Amino acid sequence: LAPALQGLRVAEYPPNLIKKTVVGAGHAEKRQIQMMVSMLLPKAKFGSADEADALAIAICHANHRSSPQFKAGIRF
């Protein structure tokens, strides 16, 4: 909420979209997400599943930020 109050755009992505974007399957397991994040970002170091999830969200955002739905402010 704080970023939106400062005029920054905020995006939300459902878990299945994040998984599908990163792994290719909407019902991927945490282990699969961690493996793909480490393949897509080989220099990234993460020590927990939460850190890998945060990187997966960043990857998803990078892939969808130029979509017409995002530009129109439509939630995915």
Protein backbone atom coordinates (compact mmCIF):
# COMPACT_ATOMS: atom_id res chain seq x y z
CA LEU A 1 0.00 0.00 0.00
CA ALA A 2 2.80 2.45 0.83
CA PRO A 3 4.25 2.42 -2.72
CA ALA A 4 0.81 3.12 -4.19
CA LEU A 5 0.37 6.07 -1.82
CA GLN A 6 3.59 7.49 -3.26
CA GLY A 7 2.25 7.18 -6.81
CA LEU A 8 4.18 4.05 -7.73
CA ARG A 9 2.42 1.34 -9.71
CA VAL A 10 1.80 -1.84 -7.78
CA ALA A 11 1.30 -5.20 -9.48
CA GLU A 12 -0.26 -8.39 -8.20
CA TYR A 13 0.20 -11.78 -9.79
CA PRO A 14 -1.60 -14.99 -8.83
CA PRO A 15 0.71 -17.81 -7.73
CA ASN A 16 -0.20 -19.96 -10.72
CA LEU A 17 0.84 -17.20 -13.16
CA ILE A 18 4.18 -16.80 -11.39
CA LYS A 19 4.78 -20.55 -11.49
CA LYS A 20 3.73 -20.81 -15.13
CA THR A 21 5.98 -17.90 -16.09
CA VAL A 22 9.04 -19.27 -14.33
CA VAL A 23 8.64 -23.04 -14.63
CA GLY A 24 6.13 -23.44 -17.45
CA ALA A 25 3.55 -25.18 -15.28
CA GLY A 26 1.03 -23.43 -13.04
CA HIS A 27 1.19 -26.10 -10.36
CA ALA A 28 4.97 -26.32 -9.92
CA GLU A 29 6.48 -27.27 -6.58
CA LYS A 30 8.80 -25.03 -4.55
CA ARG A 31 11.75 -27.22 -5.49
CA GLN A 32 11.04 -26.70 -9.21
CA ILE A 33 10.76 -22.94 -8.75
CA GLN A 34 14.09 -22.83 -6.92
CA MET A 35 15.78 -24.86 -9.65
CA MET A 36 14.46 -22.65 -12.47
CA VAL A 37 15.29 -19.42 -10.64
CA SER A 38 18.86 -20.65 -10.21
CA MET A 39 18.99 -21.52 -13.93
CA LEU A 40 17.50 -18.20 -15.05
CA LEU A 41 19.58 -16.13 -12.61
CA PRO A 42 22.80 -18.13 -12.19
CA LYS A 43 24.55 -15.43 -10.14
CA ALA A 44 21.63 -15.04 -7.73
CA LYS A 45 22.13 -16.56 -4.31
CA PHE A 46 19.18 -17.42 -2.12
CA GLY A 47 19.04 -19.31 1.13
CA SER A 48 15.35 -19.99 1.48
CA ALA A 49 12.26 -20.82 -0.52
CA ASP A 50 10.90 -17.34 0.29
CA GLU A 51 13.91 -15.69 -1.30
CA ALA A 52 13.53 -17.87 -4.41
CA ASP A 53 9.83 -16.95 -4.50
CA ALA A 54 10.70 -13.25 -4.39
CA LEU A 55 13.04 -13.69 -7.35
CA ALA A 56 10.34 -15.68 -9.18
CA ILE A 57 7.92 -12.78 -8.66
CA ALA A 58 10.52 -10.38 -10.06
CA ILE A 59 10.98 -12.62 -13.11
CA CYS A 60 7.21 -12.76 -13.61
CA HIS A 61 6.93 -8.98 -13.34
CA ALA A 62 9.77 -8.47 -15.81
CA ASN A 63 7.95 -10.70 -18.29
CA HIS A 64 4.50 -9.15 -17.85
CA ARG A 65 5.20 -5.45 -17.19
CA SER A 66 4.86 -4.53 -20.86
CA SER A 67 1.61 -6.45 -21.36
CA PRO A 68 -1.50 -4.46 -22.30
CA GLN A 69 -3.27 -5.71 -19.15
CA PHE A 70 -0.53 -4.35 -16.87
CA LYS A 71 -0.43 -1.01 -18.67
CA ALA A 72 -4.20 -0.75 -18.33
CA GLY A 73 -3.99 -1.47 -14.61
CA ILE A 74 -5.95 -4.73 -14.89
CA ARG A 75 -5.21 -7.34 -12.25
CA PHE A 76 -4.07 -10.70 -13.54
